[in-house]
Amino acid sequence: MRLSALEEKLGHVFKDKSLLERAVTHASASARASNERLEFLGDRVLGLVVADMLFHANPDEAEGLLALKYNALVRGETCAAVAEAAGLSEFVVLAASEAAGGGRRNTAILAGLCEAILAALYLDGGFDVARGFIERHWARPSAELGRDMRDPKTALQEWAQSRSRTAPSPPVYRLVKRDGPDHAPHFVVEVRIGSEEAETGEGRSKREAEQAAAKAMLARLGQSLA
């Protein structure tokens, strides 16, 4: 394993190399020495740092908006995007079958990898080391947060309710197709609302596909999120 190359990307030389080895080991490669416990800790470290960042960067914002921004920054999709942008995906240790099936692009695997590495940085280097990594790599996702922090499904639901307060026609989602292996599935979901033509969305999870379909419907309705 090229630990020195990974350390260079992380900006930290580990005193305990075994900690970094565990952080990049997926359960498919070793159930006994996987990074799952580190994921648990890393998620909490990330949450504290992101909450602190938002609290100090947005002194005039209400708790509700801060919570929406927080959820957008700590969700799995954001962690996975950070792992890819930081070049961490190439270091994850997977079973051969998992790697062959596209595991290095799997959102859940990359999110877990990112959280585990955050925990390893915290345990080996302390809170400031973990905070420094988060502040560097979450700067772009933070800057890209829109003014309207509703997710597309919520926004579409609210649009539907606003059209008829007495008997609103809610969006109806239908799974059109699911293919791909269990560790790297691909979903296609259709959404219909009232008499509008259906729109479809794709994603690596049913939730992701539903959000994509809702976003496509909003765009057609001229209700794109900010």
Protein backbone atom coordinates (compact mmCIF):
# COMPACT_ATOMS: atom_id res chain seq x y z
CA MET A 1 0.00 0.00 0.00
CA ARG A 2 1.34 3.43 -0.93
CA LEU A 3 0.85 5.00 2.46
CA SER A 4 3.40 7.75 1.87
CA ALA A 5 1.51 8.94 -1.24
CA LEU A 6 -1.74 9.00 0.73
CA GLU A 7 -0.09 10.86 3.61
CA GLU A 8 1.10 13.48 1.13
CA LYS A 9 -2.46 13.99 -0.10
CA LEU A 10 -3.71 14.25 3.47
CA GLY A 11 -0.96 16.62 4.57
CA HIS A 12 -0.16 14.50 7.61
CA VAL A 13 2.52 11.87 8.34
CA PHE A 14 1.05 9.22 10.61
CA LYS A 15 2.81 8.07 13.74
CA ASP A 16 0.58 4.99 13.76
CA LYS A 17 0.59 3.64 10.19
CA SER A 18 -1.79 0.81 11.12
CA LEU A 19 -4.45 3.40 11.85
CA LEU A 20 -4.27 4.71 8.28
CA GLU A 21 -4.24 1.15 6.91
CA ARG A 22 -7.47 0.40 8.76
CA ALA A 23 -9.04 3.66 7.59
CA VAL A 24 -8.74 2.65 3.94
CA THR A 25 -9.79 -1.00 4.38
CA HIS A 26 -13.35 -1.73 3.29
CA ALA A 27 -15.31 -4.54 4.93
CA SER A 28 -15.26 -6.51 1.67
CA ALA A 29 -11.48 -6.86 2.03
CA SER A 30 -11.40 -7.59 5.76
CA ALA A 31 -14.43 -7.83 7.99
CA ARG A 32 -12.27 -7.95 11.14
CA ALA A 33 -10.00 -5.02 10.23
CA SER A 34 -12.42 -2.81 8.30
CA ASN A 35 -12.88 0.93 8.63
CA GLU A 36 -16.48 0.76 9.89
CA ARG A 37 -15.74 1.77 13.51
CA LEU A 38 -13.64 4.66 12.24
CA GLU A 39 -16.55 5.77 10.04
CA PHE A 40 -18.66 6.15 13.18
CA LEU A 41 -16.11 8.43 14.82
CA GLY A 42 -15.27 10.37 11.66
CA ASP A 43 -18.91 11.21 11.09
CA ARG A 44 -19.02 12.88 14.52
CA VAL A 45 -15.77 14.77 13.98
CA LEU A 46 -17.07 16.06 10.65
CA GLY A 47 -20.37 17.08 12.20
CA LEU A 48 -18.74 19.15 14.93
CA VAL A 49 -16.37 20.95 12.56
CA VAL A 50 -19.06 21.70 9.96
CA ALA A 51 -21.47 22.95 12.63
CA ASP A 52 -18.77 25.23 14.02
CA MET A 53 -17.86 26.51 10.54
CA LEU A 54 -21.47 27.33 9.72
CA PHE A 55 -22.16 28.90 13.10
CA HIS A 56 -19.28 31.37 12.78
CA ALA A 57 -19.58 32.01 9.03
CA ASN A 58 -23.29 32.83 9.17
CA PRO A 59 -23.90 34.93 12.30
CA ASP A 60 -27.28 36.24 11.12
CA GLU A 61 -28.86 33.02 9.87
CA ALA A 62 -31.63 31.23 11.72
CA GLU A 63 -31.25 27.73 13.12
CA GLY A 64 -33.47 26.25 10.43
CA LEU A 65 -31.31 27.41 7.54
CA LEU A 66 -28.13 26.42 9.36
CA ALA A 67 -29.56 22.93 9.80
CA LEU A 68 -30.35 22.64 6.09
CA LYS A 69 -26.82 23.71 5.18
CA TYR A 70 -25.37 21.34 7.76
CA ASN A 71 -27.29 18.38 6.34
CA ALA A 72 -26.11 19.23 2.82
CA LEU A 73 -22.47 19.30 3.90
CA VAL A 74 -22.33 16.12 5.99
CA ARG A 75 -24.46 13.83 3.82
CA GLY A 76 -22.89 10.84 2.12
CA GLU A 77 -22.95 12.33 -1.36
CA THR A 78 -20.84 15.29 -0.21
CA CYS A 79 -18.35 13.07 1.63
CA ALA A 80 -18.03 10.87 -1.46
CA ALA A 81 -17.48 13.92 -3.69
CA VAL A 82 -14.75 15.16 -1.33
CA ALA A 83 -13.06 11.74 -1.40
CA GLU A 84 -13.02 11.80 -5.21
CA ALA A 85 -11.85 15.42 -5.44
CA ALA A 86 -9.07 14.78 -2.91
CA GLY A 87 -7.87 11.74 -4.84
CA LEU A 88 -8.59 9.29 -2.03
CA SER A 89 -10.59 6.71 -3.97
CA GLU A 90 -7.52 5.05 -5.46
CA PHE A 91 -6.30 4.10 -1.99
CA VAL A 92 -9.36 2.24 -0.72
CA VAL A 93 -8.66 -1.47 -0.20
CA LEU A 94 -11.47 -3.61 -1.63
CA ALA A 95 -12.11 -7.26 -2.36
CA ALA A 96 -11.27 -8.07 -5.98
CA SER A 97 -14.93 -8.57 -6.87
CA GLU A 98 -15.90 -5.24 -5.28
CA ALA A 99 -13.16 -3.38 -7.15
CA ALA A 100 -14.07 -5.07 -10.45
CA GLY A 101 -17.70 -4.06 -9.99
CA GLY A 102 -16.92 -0.35 -9.69
CA GLY A 103 -16.53 -0.11 -5.94
CA ARG A 104 -14.15 2.81 -6.20
CA ARG A 105 -17.03 4.89 -7.61
CA ASN A 106 -19.63 3.68 -5.11
CA THR A 107 -21.02 6.59 -3.11
CA ALA A 108 -21.44 4.64 0.12
CA ILE A 109 -17.92 3.20 -0.03
CA LEU A 110 -16.34 6.58 -0.77
CA ALA A 111 -18.35 8.31 1.95
CA GLY A 112 -17.26 5.68 4.47
CA LEU A 113 -13.66 6.02 3.34
CA CYS A 114 -13.77 9.78 3.81
CA GLU A 115 -15.28 9.55 7.30
CA ALA A 116 -12.81 6.85 8.36
CA ILE A 117 -9.86 8.95 7.21
CA LEU A 118 -11.19 11.91 9.18
CA ALA A 119 -11.28 9.72 12.28
CA ALA A 120 -7.74 8.50 11.64
CA LEU A 121 -6.50 12.07 11.28
CA TYR A 122 -8.23 12.98 14.53
CA LEU A 123 -6.86 10.01 16.48
CA ASP A 124 -3.31 10.30 15.17
CA GLY A 125 -2.86 14.05 14.85
CA GLY A 126 -5.54 15.57 17.07
CA PHE A 127 -8.59 17.69 16.45
CA ASP A 128 -6.75 20.55 14.72
CA VAL A 129 -5.32 18.20 12.08
CA ALA A 130 -8.76 16.81 11.28
CA ARG A 131 -10.24 20.30 11.30
CA GLY A 132 -7.59 21.54 8.87
CA PHE A 133 -8.41 18.81 6.37
CA ILE A 134 -12.14 19.50 6.64
CA GLU A 135 -11.73 23.26 6.29
CA ARG A 136 -9.63 22.79 3.14
CA HIS A 137 -11.80 20.22 1.42
CA TRP A 138 -15.22 21.44 2.46
CA ALA A 139 -14.53 25.03 1.41
CA ARG A 140 -15.82 24.44 -2.12
CA PRO A 141 -19.00 22.55 -1.11
CA SER A 142 -19.69 25.31 1.41
CA ALA A 143 -19.25 28.02 -1.21
CA GLU A 144 -21.59 26.20 -3.60
CA LEU A 145 -24.51 26.06 -1.18
CA GLY A 146 -27.52 27.75 -2.77
CA ARG A 147 -29.86 30.24 -1.18
CA ASP A 148 -32.69 27.72 -1.41
CA MET A 149 -31.52 24.74 0.64
CA ARG A 150 -34.58 22.59 0.12
CA ASP A 151 -33.87 19.29 -1.60
CA PRO A 152 -35.69 18.81 -4.94
CA LYS A 153 -38.26 16.35 -3.55
CA THR A 154 -39.25 18.75 -0.80
CA ALA A 155 -39.43 21.68 -3.21
CA LEU A 156 -41.62 19.71 -5.64
CA GLN A 157 -43.92 18.62 -2.82
CA GLU A 158 -44.30 22.23 -1.69
CA TRP A 159 -44.99 23.37 -5.26
CA ALA A 160 -47.73 20.74 -5.56
CA GLN A 161 -49.32 21.83 -2.28
CA SER A 162 -49.24 25.46 -3.33
CA ARG A 163 -51.28 24.69 -6.46
CA SER A 164 -54.30 23.45 -4.52
CA ARG A 165 -54.66 23.89 -0.80
CA THR A 166 -57.90 21.89 -0.67
CA ALA A 167 -56.96 18.75 -2.60
CA PRO A 168 -53.29 18.87 -3.63
CA SER A 169 -52.00 16.27 -6.08
CA PRO A 170 -48.71 15.05 -4.57
CA PRO A 171 -45.78 13.83 -6.67
CA VAL A 172 -45.87 10.08 -7.30
CA TYR A 173 -42.55 8.27 -7.73
CA ARG A 174 -42.17 4.93 -9.51
CA LEU A 175 -39.09 2.76 -9.82
CA VAL A 176 -38.63 2.19 -13.56
CA LYS A 177 -35.47 0.11 -13.52
CA ARG A 178 -32.79 -1.20 -11.21
CA ASP A 179 -29.74 -2.88 -12.66
CA GLY A 180 -26.08 -3.38 -11.92
CA PRO A 181 -24.51 -5.52 -9.16
CA ASP A 182 -25.59 -5.18 -5.53
CA HIS A 183 -22.47 -3.23 -4.60
CA ALA A 184 -22.85 -0.75 -7.48
CA PRO A 185 -26.55 -0.53 -8.40
CA HIS A 186 -28.09 1.89 -10.89
CA PHE A 187 -31.64 3.18 -10.45
CA VAL A 188 -34.05 4.92 -12.82
CA VAL A 189 -37.08 6.57 -11.21
CA GLU A 190 -40.07 8.31 -12.77
CA VAL A 191 -42.08 11.09 -11.13
CA ARG A 192 -45.59 12.20 -12.08
CA ILE A 193 -47.55 15.10 -10.69
CA GLY A 194 -51.13 15.87 -11.65
CA SER A 195 -51.58 16.10 -15.42
CA GLU A 196 -47.92 16.92 -16.06
CA GLU A 197 -45.89 14.58 -18.23
CA ALA A 198 -43.54 12.31 -16.31
CA GLU A 199 -39.87 13.10 -15.78
CA THR A 200 -37.17 10.57 -14.97
CA GLY A 201 -33.98 10.64 -12.96
CA GLU A 202 -31.03 8.29 -12.50
CA GLY A 203 -28.74 7.64 -9.58
CA ARG A 204 -26.63 5.19 -7.62
CA SER A 205 -29.41 4.88 -5.04
CA LYS A 206 -33.20 5.06 -5.22
CA ARG A 207 -33.10 8.28 -3.19
CA GLU A 208 -30.57 9.85 -5.55
CA ALA A 209 -32.68 8.89 -8.58
CA GLU A 210 -35.84 10.32 -6.99
CA GLN A 211 -34.06 13.59 -6.27
CA ALA A 212 -32.81 13.74 -9.87
CA ALA A 213 -36.34 13.13 -11.19
CA ALA A 214 -37.78 15.81 -8.92
CA LYS A 215 -35.09 18.26 -10.05
CA ALA A 216 -35.91 17.55 -13.70
CA MET A 217 -39.61 18.14 -13.02
CA LEU A 218 -38.91 21.40 -11.21
CA ALA A 219 -36.78 22.60 -14.11
CA ARG A 220 -39.60 21.92 -16.57
CA LEU A 221 -42.03 23.76 -14.30
CA GLY A 222 -39.69 26.74 -14.16
CA GLN A 223 -39.06 26.15 -10.47
CA SER A 224 -35.32 25.37 -10.50
CA LEU A 225 -33.66 25.62 -7.12
CA ALA A 226 -31.21 28.51 -6.55
